[in-house]
């Protein structure tokens, strides 16, 4: 999937590619950092901190837009049955995945939820959860940003350690 997205973004500077990959809901930071270390690594020899900062910036770009526009867009689209069903499924799924932590700890729970570097626990789902659980935007944005920062650190550490381990096993420097 990473190579397909990069082919789609070909001709765009690498930094912009990285930001777009990080902002995209399917890859977010959890996918863009590994893509940068592996697929993009052959094109650009970026230091870990540049990969981290580009991924962090890209992953945070959609957060305010999701928080500000989700309610009016969902309200408008729910007039049609197909969209109403979709939003009902999406909202129920998000409540089940994030419910206990966020309901109990609110912004702290949101930070922890987003910080866990697993699929569907990123900034997009965290923004949706903040909306569903009524966390004010002034609390949600910093909570999501902190969670994304922690997730980025964890993914970066895993990638740097994993690649160092593979290099050690293969006997390269």
N, C-alpha and C. Protein backbone atom coordinates (compact mmCIF):
# COMPACT_ATOMS: atom_id res chain seq x y z
N UNK A 1 0.83 -1.18 0.00
CA UNK A 1 0.00 0.00 0.00
C UNK A 1 0.88 1.26 0.00
N UNK A 2 1.98 1.24 0.75
CA UNK A 2 2.86 2.39 0.83
C UNK A 2 3.41 2.78 -0.52
N UNK A 3 3.85 1.78 -1.30
CA UNK A 3 4.40 2.09 -2.62
C UNK A 3 3.33 2.64 -3.55
N UNK A 4 2.11 2.13 -3.45
CA UNK A 4 1.01 2.63 -4.28
C UNK A 4 0.74 4.09 -3.97
N UNK A 5 0.68 4.43 -2.69
CA UNK A 5 0.46 5.83 -2.31
C UNK A 5 1.61 6.71 -2.78
N UNK A 6 2.83 6.22 -2.66
CA UNK A 6 3.98 7.00 -3.11
C UNK A 6 3.96 7.19 -4.63
N UNK A 7 3.54 6.17 -5.38
CA UNK A 7 3.42 6.33 -6.84
C UNK A 7 2.40 7.40 -7.17
N UNK A 8 1.31 7.42 -6.41
CA UNK A 8 0.27 8.42 -6.61
C UNK A 8 0.81 9.82 -6.32
N UNK A 9 1.73 9.91 -5.37
CA UNK A 9 2.30 11.20 -4.97
C UNK A 9 3.61 11.53 -5.69
N UNK A 10 4.00 10.71 -6.66
CA UNK A 10 5.28 10.93 -7.33
C UNK A 10 5.31 12.31 -8.00
N UNK A 11 6.49 12.89 -8.01
CA UNK A 11 6.64 14.22 -8.57
C UNK A 11 6.48 15.32 -7.53
N UNK A 12 6.02 14.96 -6.35
CA UNK A 12 5.86 15.92 -5.25
C UNK A 12 7.08 15.78 -4.35
N UNK A 13 7.58 16.86 -3.80
CA UNK A 13 8.74 16.75 -2.90
C UNK A 13 8.49 15.75 -1.76
N UNK A 14 9.54 15.07 -1.35
CA UNK A 14 9.44 14.03 -0.33
C UNK A 14 8.81 14.50 0.97
N UNK A 15 9.13 15.72 1.38
CA UNK A 15 8.56 16.24 2.62
C UNK A 15 7.04 16.36 2.52
N UNK A 16 6.57 16.81 1.37
CA UNK A 16 5.12 16.94 1.16
C UNK A 16 4.48 15.56 1.11
N UNK A 17 5.15 14.60 0.46
CA UNK A 17 4.64 13.23 0.43
C UNK A 17 4.45 12.70 1.85
N UNK A 18 5.46 12.94 2.68
CA UNK A 18 5.41 12.46 4.05
C UNK A 18 4.26 13.09 4.82
N UNK A 19 4.04 14.38 4.65
CA UNK A 19 2.95 15.07 5.34
C UNK A 19 1.60 14.54 4.86
N UNK A 20 1.45 14.35 3.55
CA UNK A 20 0.19 13.84 3.01
C UNK A 20 -0.08 12.42 3.51
N UNK A 21 0.94 11.56 3.49
CA UNK A 21 0.76 10.20 4.00
C UNK A 21 0.34 10.20 5.47
N UNK A 22 0.91 11.11 6.24
CA UNK A 22 0.59 11.19 7.66
C UNK A 22 -0.81 11.75 7.91
N UNK A 23 -1.28 12.58 7.02
CA UNK A 23 -2.62 13.16 7.17
C UNK A 23 -3.71 12.21 6.68
N UNK A 24 -3.35 11.26 5.85
CA UNK A 24 -4.30 10.32 5.25
C UNK A 24 -4.83 9.37 6.32
N UNK A 25 -6.15 9.13 6.38
CA UNK A 25 -6.72 8.33 7.47
C UNK A 25 -6.28 6.87 7.52
N UNK A 26 -5.89 6.29 6.42
CA UNK A 26 -5.50 4.88 6.45
C UNK A 26 -4.07 4.67 6.88
N UNK A 27 -3.22 5.64 6.63
CA UNK A 27 -1.82 5.47 7.02
C UNK A 27 -1.51 6.21 8.31
N UNK A 28 -1.93 7.46 8.40
CA UNK A 28 -1.60 8.32 9.52
C UNK A 28 -0.11 8.20 9.84
N UNK A 29 0.25 8.55 11.02
CA UNK A 29 1.65 8.50 11.46
C UNK A 29 2.12 7.06 11.64
N UNK A 30 1.21 6.17 12.02
CA UNK A 30 1.55 4.77 12.26
C UNK A 30 2.01 4.06 10.99
N UNK A 31 1.57 4.55 9.84
CA UNK A 31 2.00 3.97 8.57
C UNK A 31 3.07 4.78 7.88
N UNK A 32 3.01 6.10 8.04
CA UNK A 32 3.95 6.94 7.30
C UNK A 32 5.38 6.82 7.83
N UNK A 33 5.54 6.63 9.13
CA UNK A 33 6.90 6.47 9.66
C UNK A 33 7.55 5.19 9.13
N UNK A 34 6.88 4.03 9.21
CA UNK A 34 7.49 2.84 8.61
C UNK A 34 7.73 2.97 7.10
N UNK A 35 6.83 3.64 6.40
CA UNK A 35 7.02 3.85 4.97
C UNK A 35 8.27 4.71 4.73
N UNK A 36 8.43 5.75 5.55
CA UNK A 36 9.61 6.62 5.39
C UNK A 36 10.90 5.86 5.68
N UNK A 37 10.88 4.98 6.65
CA UNK A 37 12.09 4.23 7.02
C UNK A 37 12.42 3.17 5.96
N UNK A 38 11.41 2.63 5.30
CA UNK A 38 11.66 1.52 4.39
C UNK A 38 11.57 1.95 2.93
N UNK A 39 10.38 2.22 2.45
CA UNK A 39 10.16 2.54 1.04
C UNK A 39 10.84 3.85 0.65
N UNK A 40 10.64 4.90 1.44
CA UNK A 40 11.23 6.20 1.12
C UNK A 40 12.71 6.26 1.46
N UNK A 41 13.15 5.39 2.35
CA UNK A 41 14.54 5.39 2.79
C UNK A 41 15.53 5.21 1.65
N UNK A 42 15.10 4.52 0.59
CA UNK A 42 15.99 4.33 -0.55
C UNK A 42 16.14 5.62 -1.37
N UNK A 43 15.14 6.52 -1.27
CA UNK A 43 15.19 7.76 -2.03
C UNK A 43 15.83 8.89 -1.22
N UNK A 44 15.45 8.99 0.04
CA UNK A 44 15.93 10.07 0.90
C UNK A 44 16.51 9.46 2.16
N UNK A 45 17.67 9.89 2.51
CA UNK A 45 18.29 9.42 3.75
C UNK A 45 18.01 10.46 4.84
N UNK A 46 16.79 10.48 5.31
CA UNK A 46 16.38 11.44 6.32
C UNK A 46 16.78 10.97 7.71
N UNK A 47 17.14 11.89 8.59
CA UNK A 47 17.36 11.51 9.98
C UNK A 47 16.02 11.19 10.66
N UNK A 48 16.08 10.41 11.73
CA UNK A 48 14.86 9.99 12.42
C UNK A 48 14.01 11.17 12.86
N UNK A 49 14.64 12.25 13.31
CA UNK A 49 13.89 13.39 13.84
C UNK A 49 13.10 14.10 12.74
N UNK A 50 13.62 14.10 11.51
CA UNK A 50 12.90 14.73 10.40
C UNK A 50 11.67 13.89 10.05
N UNK A 51 11.83 12.59 10.00
CA UNK A 51 10.71 11.69 9.75
C UNK A 51 9.63 11.89 10.81
N UNK A 52 10.07 11.93 12.07
CA UNK A 52 9.13 12.09 13.18
C UNK A 52 8.37 13.42 13.08
N UNK A 53 9.08 14.52 12.87
CA UNK A 53 8.44 15.83 12.83
C UNK A 53 7.49 15.99 11.63
N UNK A 54 7.88 15.47 10.47
CA UNK A 54 6.99 15.54 9.31
C UNK A 54 5.73 14.70 9.55
N UNK A 55 5.91 13.51 10.12
CA UNK A 55 4.76 12.65 10.41
C UNK A 55 3.84 13.29 11.44
N UNK A 56 4.41 13.87 12.47
CA UNK A 56 3.63 14.53 13.51
C UNK A 56 2.82 15.68 12.92
N UNK A 57 3.49 16.53 12.14
CA UNK A 57 2.80 17.68 11.53
C UNK A 57 1.67 17.22 10.62
N UNK A 58 1.97 16.24 9.76
CA UNK A 58 0.95 15.76 8.84
C UNK A 58 -0.23 15.11 9.54
N UNK A 59 0.04 14.36 10.60
CA UNK A 59 -1.03 13.66 11.31
C UNK A 59 -1.94 14.64 12.06
N UNK A 60 -1.41 15.79 12.45
CA UNK A 60 -2.22 16.76 13.21
C UNK A 60 -3.03 17.69 12.32
N UNK A 61 -2.69 17.81 11.05
CA UNK A 61 -3.39 18.74 10.16
C UNK A 61 -4.91 18.50 10.13
N UNK A 62 -5.39 17.26 9.98
CA UNK A 62 -6.84 17.09 9.86
C UNK A 62 -7.62 17.25 11.17
N UNK A 63 -6.96 17.20 12.31
CA UNK A 63 -7.66 17.17 13.61
C UNK A 63 -8.63 18.34 13.79
N UNK A 64 -8.19 19.60 13.67
CA UNK A 64 -9.16 20.69 13.90
C UNK A 64 -10.32 20.66 12.89
N UNK A 65 -10.02 20.27 11.66
CA UNK A 65 -11.08 20.23 10.65
C UNK A 65 -12.12 19.16 10.99
N UNK A 66 -11.65 18.00 11.43
CA UNK A 66 -12.58 16.94 11.83
C UNK A 66 -13.43 17.42 13.00
N UNK A 67 -12.78 18.01 14.00
CA UNK A 67 -13.52 18.45 15.19
C UNK A 67 -14.53 19.55 14.88
N UNK A 68 -14.20 20.46 13.98
CA UNK A 68 -15.11 21.56 13.68
C UNK A 68 -16.19 21.19 12.67
N UNK A 69 -15.88 20.28 11.75
CA UNK A 69 -16.84 20.02 10.67
C UNK A 69 -17.59 18.70 10.78
N UNK A 70 -17.22 17.82 11.69
CA UNK A 70 -17.88 16.52 11.77
C UNK A 70 -19.37 16.65 12.11
N UNK A 71 -19.68 17.47 13.08
CA UNK A 71 -21.08 17.61 13.47
C UNK A 71 -21.96 18.17 12.35
N UNK A 72 -21.62 19.32 11.75
CA UNK A 72 -22.50 19.82 10.69
C UNK A 72 -22.56 18.91 9.47
N UNK A 73 -21.45 18.29 9.11
CA UNK A 73 -21.44 17.40 7.94
C UNK A 73 -22.28 16.16 8.22
N UNK A 74 -22.10 15.55 9.39
CA UNK A 74 -22.88 14.34 9.70
C UNK A 74 -24.36 14.66 9.82
N UNK A 75 -24.68 15.80 10.41
CA UNK A 75 -26.10 16.20 10.53
C UNK A 75 -26.72 16.38 9.14
N UNK A 76 -25.98 17.02 8.24
CA UNK A 76 -26.47 17.23 6.88
C UNK A 76 -26.65 15.91 6.14
N UNK A 77 -25.63 15.04 6.19
CA UNK A 77 -25.67 13.78 5.43
C UNK A 77 -26.65 12.76 6.01
N UNK A 78 -26.93 12.84 7.30
CA UNK A 78 -27.83 11.86 7.92
C UNK A 78 -29.27 11.99 7.44
N UNK A 79 -29.56 12.96 6.63
CA UNK A 79 -30.90 13.07 6.04
C UNK A 79 -31.18 11.91 5.10
N UNK A 80 -30.12 11.34 4.54
CA UNK A 80 -30.26 10.22 3.63
C UNK A 80 -29.94 8.93 4.38
N UNK A 81 -30.74 7.92 4.13
CA UNK A 81 -30.66 6.67 4.87
C UNK A 81 -29.27 6.01 4.79
N UNK A 82 -28.68 5.99 3.62
CA UNK A 82 -27.38 5.33 3.45
C UNK A 82 -26.32 5.98 4.34
N UNK A 83 -26.33 7.31 4.40
CA UNK A 83 -25.36 8.01 5.24
C UNK A 83 -25.71 7.86 6.72
N UNK A 84 -27.01 7.85 7.02
CA UNK A 84 -27.42 7.66 8.40
C UNK A 84 -26.92 6.30 8.91
N UNK A 85 -27.07 5.28 8.10
CA UNK A 85 -26.57 3.95 8.48
C UNK A 85 -25.06 3.95 8.65
N UNK A 86 -24.35 4.60 7.73
CA UNK A 86 -22.90 4.66 7.83
C UNK A 86 -22.47 5.35 9.12
N UNK A 87 -23.03 6.51 9.41
CA UNK A 87 -22.64 7.24 10.62
C UNK A 87 -23.02 6.46 11.88
N UNK A 88 -24.15 5.79 11.85
CA UNK A 88 -24.55 4.97 13.01
C UNK A 88 -23.53 3.86 13.24
N UNK A 89 -23.10 3.19 12.15
CA UNK A 89 -22.09 2.14 12.26
C UNK A 89 -20.76 2.71 12.76
N UNK A 90 -20.34 3.82 12.16
CA UNK A 90 -19.07 4.44 12.52
C UNK A 90 -19.07 4.90 13.98
N UNK A 91 -20.15 5.54 14.40
CA UNK A 91 -20.22 6.06 15.76
C UNK A 91 -20.30 4.92 16.78
N UNK A 92 -21.08 3.88 16.49
CA UNK A 92 -21.16 2.72 17.39
C UNK A 92 -19.80 2.04 17.53
N UNK A 93 -19.13 1.86 16.42
CA UNK A 93 -17.81 1.22 16.42
C UNK A 93 -16.81 2.03 17.24
N UNK A 94 -16.82 3.32 17.06
CA UNK A 94 -15.90 4.19 17.81
C UNK A 94 -16.23 4.16 19.29
N UNK A 95 -17.51 4.19 19.65
CA UNK A 95 -17.89 4.13 21.06
C UNK A 95 -17.41 2.83 21.70
N UNK A 96 -17.54 1.72 20.97
CA UNK A 96 -17.11 0.43 21.52
C UNK A 96 -15.60 0.38 21.71
N UNK A 97 -14.83 0.88 20.74
CA UNK A 97 -13.37 0.82 20.80
C UNK A 97 -12.79 1.77 21.85
N UNK A 98 -13.36 2.94 21.96
CA UNK A 98 -12.75 3.97 22.80
C UNK A 98 -13.53 4.25 24.08
N UNK A 99 -14.71 3.72 24.18
CA UNK A 99 -15.67 4.10 25.20
C UNK A 99 -15.20 4.17 26.63
N UNK A 100 -14.73 3.07 27.20
CA UNK A 100 -14.44 3.03 28.63
C UNK A 100 -13.36 4.02 29.04
N UNK A 101 -12.26 4.03 28.33
CA UNK A 101 -11.16 4.94 28.68
C UNK A 101 -11.59 6.40 28.59
N UNK A 102 -12.22 6.74 27.50
CA UNK A 102 -12.55 8.14 27.27
C UNK A 102 -13.71 8.57 28.17
N UNK A 103 -14.68 7.72 28.36
CA UNK A 103 -15.80 8.05 29.23
C UNK A 103 -15.32 8.30 30.66
N UNK A 104 -14.38 7.48 31.11
CA UNK A 104 -13.91 7.58 32.49
C UNK A 104 -12.90 8.71 32.69
N UNK A 105 -11.92 8.83 31.79
CA UNK A 105 -10.82 9.77 31.98
C UNK A 105 -10.88 11.01 31.09
N UNK A 106 -11.84 11.09 30.22
CA UNK A 106 -12.05 12.20 29.29
C UNK A 106 -10.78 12.52 28.48
N UNK A 107 -10.22 13.72 28.64
CA UNK A 107 -9.08 14.13 27.80
C UNK A 107 -7.86 13.24 28.02
N UNK A 108 -7.60 12.84 29.25
CA UNK A 108 -6.47 11.93 29.51
C UNK A 108 -6.71 10.59 28.83
N UNK A 109 -7.92 10.09 28.92
CA UNK A 109 -8.27 8.84 28.24
C UNK A 109 -8.13 8.96 26.73
N UNK A 110 -8.50 10.12 26.21
CA UNK A 110 -8.35 10.38 24.77
C UNK A 110 -6.87 10.36 24.37
N UNK A 111 -6.02 10.97 25.19
CA UNK A 111 -4.58 10.96 24.94
C UNK A 111 -4.04 9.55 24.92
N UNK A 112 -4.42 8.76 25.91
CA UNK A 112 -3.96 7.37 25.99
C UNK A 112 -4.46 6.56 24.80
N UNK A 113 -5.72 6.74 24.45
CA UNK A 113 -6.30 6.03 23.31
C UNK A 113 -5.53 6.32 22.03
N UNK A 114 -5.25 7.59 21.78
CA UNK A 114 -4.54 7.99 20.55
C UNK A 114 -3.07 7.56 20.60
N UNK A 115 -2.49 7.53 21.79
CA UNK A 115 -1.07 7.21 21.94
C UNK A 115 -0.74 5.75 21.66
N UNK A 116 -1.71 4.87 21.79
CA UNK A 116 -1.46 3.45 21.54
C UNK A 116 -1.28 3.26 20.03
N UNK A 117 -0.08 2.85 19.61
CA UNK A 117 0.17 2.80 18.16
C UNK A 117 -0.38 1.53 17.50
N UNK A 118 -1.68 1.41 17.52
CA UNK A 118 -2.36 0.30 16.85
C UNK A 118 -3.26 0.87 15.77
N UNK A 119 -3.63 0.04 14.80
CA UNK A 119 -4.57 0.53 13.78
C UNK A 119 -5.87 1.02 14.43
N UNK A 120 -6.45 2.01 13.87
CA UNK A 120 -7.70 2.65 14.30
C UNK A 120 -7.68 3.21 15.72
N UNK A 121 -6.53 3.71 16.16
CA UNK A 121 -6.49 4.42 17.43
C UNK A 121 -5.80 5.77 17.25
N UNK A 122 -5.77 6.27 16.05
CA UNK A 122 -5.02 7.48 15.76
C UNK A 122 -5.81 8.76 15.87
N UNK A 123 -5.30 9.79 15.24
CA UNK A 123 -5.87 11.13 15.34
C UNK A 123 -7.28 11.20 14.75
N UNK A 124 -7.52 10.50 13.65
CA UNK A 124 -8.85 10.52 13.05
C UNK A 124 -9.89 9.92 13.99
N UNK A 125 -9.61 8.72 14.50
CA UNK A 125 -10.55 8.07 15.41
C UNK A 125 -10.63 8.83 16.73
N UNK A 126 -9.50 9.36 17.19
CA UNK A 126 -9.51 10.17 18.40
C UNK A 126 -10.37 11.41 18.25
N UNK A 127 -10.32 12.05 17.09
CA UNK A 127 -11.17 13.22 16.83
C UNK A 127 -12.64 12.83 16.82
N UNK A 128 -12.92 11.71 16.21
CA UNK A 128 -14.30 11.21 16.19
C UNK A 128 -14.77 10.88 17.61
N UNK A 129 -13.91 10.25 18.40
CA UNK A 129 -14.26 9.91 19.78
C UNK A 129 -14.47 11.18 20.61
N UNK A 130 -13.64 12.19 20.41
CA UNK A 130 -13.81 13.45 21.14
C UNK A 130 -15.17 14.06 20.84
N UNK A 131 -15.57 14.02 19.59
CA UNK A 131 -16.89 14.52 19.19
C UNK A 131 -17.99 13.70 19.85
N UNK A 132 -17.88 12.38 19.77
CA UNK A 132 -18.93 11.51 20.30
C UNK A 132 -19.10 11.60 21.81
N UNK A 133 -17.99 11.80 22.52
CA UNK A 133 -18.05 11.85 23.98
C UNK A 133 -18.12 13.28 24.51
N UNK A 134 -18.27 14.24 23.62
CA UNK A 134 -18.50 15.61 24.03
C UNK A 134 -17.32 16.29 24.70
N UNK A 135 -16.11 15.89 24.34
CA UNK A 135 -14.93 16.55 24.90
C UNK A 135 -14.75 17.88 24.16
N UNK A 136 -14.69 18.98 24.90
CA UNK A 136 -14.56 20.28 24.24
C UNK A 136 -13.31 20.36 23.37
N UNK A 137 -13.42 21.07 22.28
CA UNK A 137 -12.31 21.19 21.33
C UNK A 137 -11.04 21.73 22.00
N UNK A 138 -11.19 22.66 22.93
CA UNK A 138 -10.02 23.25 23.61
C UNK A 138 -9.27 22.21 24.44
N UNK A 139 -9.94 21.12 24.82
CA UNK A 139 -9.29 20.02 25.54
C UNK A 139 -8.89 18.90 24.58
N UNK A 140 -9.72 18.69 23.56
CA UNK A 140 -9.50 17.57 22.63
C UNK A 140 -8.25 17.77 21.77
N UNK A 141 -8.05 18.95 21.25
CA UNK A 141 -6.91 19.18 20.35
C UNK A 141 -5.58 18.92 21.06
N UNK A 142 -5.33 19.49 22.25
CA UNK A 142 -4.06 19.17 22.92
C UNK A 142 -3.96 17.69 23.33
N UNK A 143 -5.08 17.09 23.72
CA UNK A 143 -5.05 15.67 24.10
C UNK A 143 -4.69 14.79 22.91
N UNK A 144 -5.28 15.06 21.77
CA UNK A 144 -4.98 14.30 20.56
C UNK A 144 -3.54 14.56 20.12
N UNK A 145 -3.10 15.81 20.19
CA UNK A 145 -1.72 16.15 19.81
C UNK A 145 -0.72 15.40 20.69
N UNK A 146 -0.98 15.35 21.98
CA UNK A 146 -0.07 14.63 22.89
C UNK A 146 -0.08 13.14 22.56
N UNK A 147 -1.25 12.58 22.29
CA UNK A 147 -1.34 11.16 21.94
C UNK A 147 -0.60 10.85 20.65
N UNK A 148 -0.75 11.71 19.65
CA UNK A 148 -0.05 11.52 18.38
C UNK A 148 1.46 11.62 18.59
N UNK A 149 1.90 12.57 19.42
CA UNK A 149 3.34 12.72 19.69
C UNK A 149 3.90 11.46 20.34
N UNK A 150 3.19 10.92 21.31
CA UNK A 150 3.65 9.70 21.99
C UNK A 150 3.65 8.51 21.02
N UNK A 151 2.58 8.37 20.24
CA UNK A 151 2.52 7.28 19.25
C UNK A 151 3.67 7.40 18.26
N UNK A 152 3.98 8.62 17.83
CA UNK A 152 5.09 8.83 16.91
C UNK A 152 6.43 8.43 17.51
N UNK A 153 6.63 8.75 18.77
CA UNK A 153 7.85 8.35 19.46
C UNK A 153 7.95 6.83 19.52
N UNK A 154 6.84 6.17 19.87
CA UNK A 154 6.85 4.71 19.97
C UNK A 154 7.12 4.05 18.62
N UNK A 155 6.46 4.53 17.57
CA UNK A 155 6.66 3.95 16.24
C UNK A 155 8.09 4.21 15.76
N UNK A 156 8.62 5.39 16.02
CA UNK A 156 9.99 5.70 15.63
C UNK A 156 10.98 4.80 16.36
N UNK A 157 10.76 4.60 17.66
CA UNK A 157 11.64 3.71 18.43
C UNK A 157 11.58 2.28 17.90
N UNK A 158 10.38 1.81 17.60
CA UNK A 158 10.24 0.45 17.06
C UNK A 158 10.95 0.33 15.72
N UNK A 159 10.75 1.32 14.85
CA UNK A 159 11.38 1.25 13.53
C UNK A 159 12.90 1.33 13.62
N UNK A 160 13.41 2.21 14.44
CA UNK A 160 14.87 2.32 14.54
C UNK A 160 15.45 1.07 15.17
N UNK A 161 14.79 0.53 16.17
CA UNK A 161 15.26 -0.70 16.80
C UNK A 161 15.11 -1.91 15.90
N UNK A 162 13.99 -1.98 15.20
CA UNK A 162 13.76 -3.11 14.31
C UNK A 162 14.78 -3.13 13.18
N UNK A 163 15.04 -1.97 12.59
CA UNK A 163 16.00 -1.93 11.49
C UNK A 163 17.42 -2.17 11.98
N UNK A 164 17.73 -1.67 13.18
CA UNK A 164 19.06 -1.93 13.74
C UNK A 164 19.22 -3.43 14.03
N UNK A 165 18.15 -4.05 14.53
CA UNK A 165 18.19 -5.49 14.80
C UNK A 165 18.37 -6.31 13.54
N UNK A 166 17.68 -5.94 12.48
CA UNK A 166 17.82 -6.64 11.20
C UNK A 166 19.24 -6.47 10.67
N UNK A 167 19.77 -5.24 10.78
CA UNK A 167 21.15 -5.00 10.33
C UNK A 167 22.15 -5.81 11.13
N UNK A 168 21.93 -5.94 12.42
CA UNK A 168 22.82 -6.73 13.26
C UNK A 168 22.78 -8.20 12.86
N UNK A 169 21.57 -8.71 12.65
CA UNK A 169 21.40 -10.11 12.27
C UNK A 169 22.05 -10.38 10.93
N UNK A 170 21.90 -9.47 9.99
CA UNK A 170 22.45 -9.64 8.66
C UNK A 170 23.94 -9.32 8.61
N UNK A 171 24.48 -8.78 9.69
CA UNK A 171 25.92 -8.51 9.77
C UNK A 171 26.34 -7.24 9.07
N UNK A 172 25.41 -6.32 8.83
CA UNK A 172 25.82 -5.06 8.20
C UNK A 172 25.96 -3.98 9.27
N UNK A 173 26.66 -2.91 8.93
CA UNK A 173 26.89 -1.82 9.89
C UNK A 173 25.76 -0.85 9.90
